[in-house]
Amino acid sequence: MGDMADRFIEVSLAKRGVQCTAKLLDDRAPVTCAAVWEALPLGSDVYHAKYARNEIYALFPAFADREPPLENPTVTPIPGDLCYFSFSGTELGTKAYGYEPEADVRAGTTVVDLALFYERNNLLLNGDVGWVPGIVWGQVVEGLDRMAEACNDLWRAGAQGETLSFKRA
């Protein structure tokens, strides 16, 4: 796999008209990168993290043939990390998270969380379940400053009506 050409994606916030470019970490998370790449383009309502701190994310129905193994894991993502999380609907089904039932957050479903971390000092520790390691599958290589400004605006002004999208660059 060492001879594979680098692959890039565009991550964007549609309403705010901002995007950044990320490099897939095929050498560190090959199974996850392949699953995400094949599923692109993806877009959904954006949420700002409640527990992890400087994170935005979108939820998707499972799209891989089978969920990727925990490759290239972290509980301390750094600015520019793209992380993949997989949850059962029951893990995210409590009212504390604020998801609507129609968002496929219910028992018997798998929910994929694709996240972008835009600033330092993140810790993937959830008060309900403890440590929540994520798979680091991409790293922003261009445009993180503008995206971080938009993410801060999303935190302060709200995420209502905003979409987080991922597509091949």
Protein backbone atom coordinates (compact mmCIF):
# COMPACT_ATOMS: atom_id res chain seq x y z
CA MET A 1 0.00 0.00 0.00
CA GLY A 2 3.06 2.27 0.25
CA ASP A 3 2.83 3.22 -3.45
CA MET A 4 -0.71 4.56 -3.18
CA ALA A 5 -1.01 8.21 -4.20
CA ASP A 6 -2.12 10.61 -1.49
CA ARG A 7 -5.87 11.13 -1.37
CA PHE A 8 -7.56 14.36 -0.30
CA ILE A 9 -11.08 15.37 0.67
CA GLU A 10 -12.87 18.67 1.12
CA VAL A 11 -14.67 19.25 4.41
CA SER A 12 -17.20 22.08 4.35
CA LEU A 13 -19.83 23.99 6.27
CA ALA A 14 -22.37 24.86 3.56
CA LYS A 15 -24.29 27.78 5.11
CA ARG A 16 -21.11 29.49 6.29
CA GLY A 17 -19.43 28.95 2.90
CA VAL A 18 -16.19 27.66 4.36
CA GLN A 19 -14.13 24.58 3.56
CA CYS A 20 -10.81 22.98 4.28
CA THR A 21 -8.76 20.24 2.64
CA ALA A 22 -7.70 17.09 4.46
CA LYS A 23 -5.29 14.31 3.55
CA LEU A 24 -6.46 10.77 4.18
CA LEU A 25 -4.14 8.82 6.48
CA ASP A 26 -4.17 5.65 4.37
CA ASP A 27 -0.92 4.46 5.94
CA ARG A 28 -2.29 4.66 9.51
CA ALA A 29 -6.00 3.84 9.09
CA PRO A 30 -6.35 1.99 5.77
CA VAL A 31 -9.63 0.19 6.51
CA THR A 32 -11.34 3.34 7.77
CA CYS A 33 -10.02 5.49 4.90
CA ALA A 34 -11.26 2.95 2.35
CA ALA A 35 -14.72 2.83 3.95
CA VAL A 36 -15.09 6.62 4.07
CA TRP A 37 -13.65 7.16 0.57
CA GLU A 38 -16.10 4.67 -0.96
CA ALA A 39 -19.05 6.33 0.83
CA LEU A 40 -18.26 9.89 -0.33
CA PRO A 41 -19.86 12.32 -0.81
CA LEU A 42 -21.49 12.54 2.64
CA GLY A 43 -23.33 15.42 4.26
CA SER A 44 -25.67 15.86 7.20
CA ASP A 45 -26.74 18.24 9.96
CA VAL A 46 -23.74 19.45 11.94
CA TYR A 47 -23.47 19.34 15.72
CA HIS A 48 -20.95 20.98 18.01
CA ALA A 49 -19.50 18.70 20.70
CA LYS A 50 -20.88 18.83 24.18
CA TYR A 51 -18.20 16.71 25.91
CA ALA A 52 -15.10 16.57 23.70
CA ARG A 53 -14.72 20.37 23.48
CA ASN A 54 -13.46 21.73 20.12
CA GLU A 55 -15.23 19.34 17.77
CA ILE A 56 -17.90 19.52 15.10
CA TYR A 57 -19.45 16.37 13.69
CA ALA A 58 -22.24 14.85 11.63
CA LEU A 59 -24.08 11.56 12.08
CA PHE A 60 -24.64 9.03 9.29
CA PRO A 61 -26.20 5.59 8.96
CA ALA A 62 -23.52 2.89 8.84
CA PHE A 63 -21.98 2.81 5.36
CA ALA A 64 -19.19 0.21 5.57
CA ASP A 65 -19.70 -3.50 4.86
CA ARG A 66 -18.42 -4.02 8.38
CA GLU A 67 -17.29 -1.47 10.92
CA PRO A 68 -13.56 -0.65 10.78
CA PRO A 69 -11.34 -1.93 13.58
CA LEU A 70 -9.97 0.58 16.08
CA GLU A 71 -6.94 1.62 13.99
CA ASN A 72 -4.85 4.72 14.71
CA PRO A 73 -6.89 5.42 17.88
CA THR A 74 -6.80 8.51 20.06
CA VAL A 75 -8.59 10.00 23.05
CA THR A 76 -6.69 13.31 22.66
CA PRO A 77 -7.32 14.56 19.10
CA ILE A 78 -5.32 17.54 17.89
CA PRO A 79 -6.38 20.45 15.67
CA GLY A 80 -7.12 19.24 12.16
CA ASP A 81 -7.79 15.61 13.08
CA LEU A 82 -10.69 13.90 11.34
CA CYS A 83 -12.05 11.11 13.53
CA TYR A 84 -14.43 8.21 12.92
CA PHE A 85 -16.66 6.89 15.69
CA SER A 86 -19.25 4.15 15.56
CA PHE A 87 -22.08 3.94 18.09
CA SER A 88 -25.15 1.82 18.59
CA GLY A 89 -28.34 3.87 18.59
CA THR A 90 -28.90 3.06 22.24
CA GLU A 91 -25.57 4.69 23.18
CA LEU A 92 -26.76 8.02 21.77
CA GLY A 93 -30.44 7.63 22.57
CA THR A 94 -30.63 9.55 25.84
CA LYS A 95 -32.25 12.99 25.93
CA ALA A 96 -28.95 14.47 27.16
CA TYR A 97 -27.58 14.35 23.61
CA GLY A 98 -30.52 16.18 22.08
CA TYR A 99 -30.86 14.11 18.89
CA GLU A 100 -34.21 13.67 17.22
CA PRO A 101 -35.52 10.09 16.91
CA GLU A 102 -35.71 10.52 13.12
CA ALA A 103 -31.91 11.00 13.06
CA ASP A 104 -31.61 7.17 13.17
CA VAL A 105 -30.47 7.32 16.79
CA ARG A 106 -32.46 4.37 18.05
CA ALA A 107 -31.99 0.81 19.24
CA GLY A 108 -30.84 -1.69 16.63
CA THR A 109 -29.06 0.83 14.41
CA THR A 110 -25.41 1.72 14.01
CA VAL A 111 -24.60 5.41 13.82
CA VAL A 112 -21.33 6.70 12.32
CA ASP A 113 -19.98 9.98 13.64
CA LEU A 114 -17.49 11.79 11.38
CA ALA A 115 -15.81 14.56 13.33
CA LEU A 116 -13.43 17.46 12.77
CA PHE A 117 -11.38 18.78 15.68
CA TYR A 118 -10.48 22.42 15.16
CA GLU A 119 -8.58 23.52 18.27
CA ARG A 120 -6.38 22.10 21.05
CA ASN A 121 -7.17 20.57 24.45
CA ASN A 122 -9.72 17.92 23.45
CA LEU A 123 -10.42 14.88 25.59
CA LEU A 124 -12.68 12.05 24.46
CA LEU A 125 -14.20 11.33 27.86
CA ASN A 126 -17.97 11.01 28.11
CA GLY A 127 -19.71 11.20 31.46
CA ASP A 128 -22.14 8.41 30.53
CA VAL A 129 -19.75 5.79 29.13
CA GLY A 130 -16.16 6.83 29.93
CA TRP A 131 -13.34 6.91 27.36
CA VAL A 132 -14.48 7.05 23.72
CA PRO A 133 -11.47 6.43 21.45
CA GLY A 134 -11.79 7.66 17.89
CA ILE A 135 -10.06 6.52 14.72
CA VAL A 136 -7.91 9.31 13.24
CA TRP A 137 -8.35 8.83 9.49
CA GLY A 138 -7.53 12.29 8.11
CA GLN A 139 -5.60 15.46 8.83
CA VAL A 140 -6.49 18.95 7.61
CA VAL A 141 -3.62 20.30 5.50
CA GLU A 142 -5.16 23.55 4.23
CA GLY A 143 -7.79 26.01 5.47
CA LEU A 144 -7.98 25.05 9.16
CA ASP A 145 -7.80 28.68 10.37
CA ARG A 146 -10.93 29.74 8.46
CA MET A 147 -12.71 26.52 9.39
CA ALA A 148 -11.86 27.04 13.08
CA GLU A 149 -13.36 30.55 12.94
CA ALA A 150 -16.54 29.09 11.42
CA CYS A 151 -16.62 26.35 14.08
CA ASN A 152 -16.35 28.96 16.84
CA ASP A 153 -19.21 30.86 15.21
CA LEU A 154 -21.20 27.64 15.08
CA TRP A 155 -20.56 27.17 18.83
CA ARG A 156 -21.68 30.72 19.67
CA ALA A 157 -24.44 31.31 17.10
CA GLY A 158 -25.80 27.77 16.79
CA ALA A 159 -25.75 24.90 14.37
CA GLN A 160 -29.39 25.10 13.26
CA GLY A 161 -29.65 24.83 9.48
CA GLU A 162 -25.94 24.13 8.95
CA THR A 163 -24.57 21.09 7.08
CA LEU A 164 -21.18 19.39 7.46
CA SER A 165 -20.10 17.75 4.22
CA PHE A 166 -17.25 15.53 3.09
CA LYS A 167 -16.38 14.99 -0.58
CA ARG A 168 -13.44 13.91 -2.68
CA ALA A 169 -11.12 16.81 -3.53
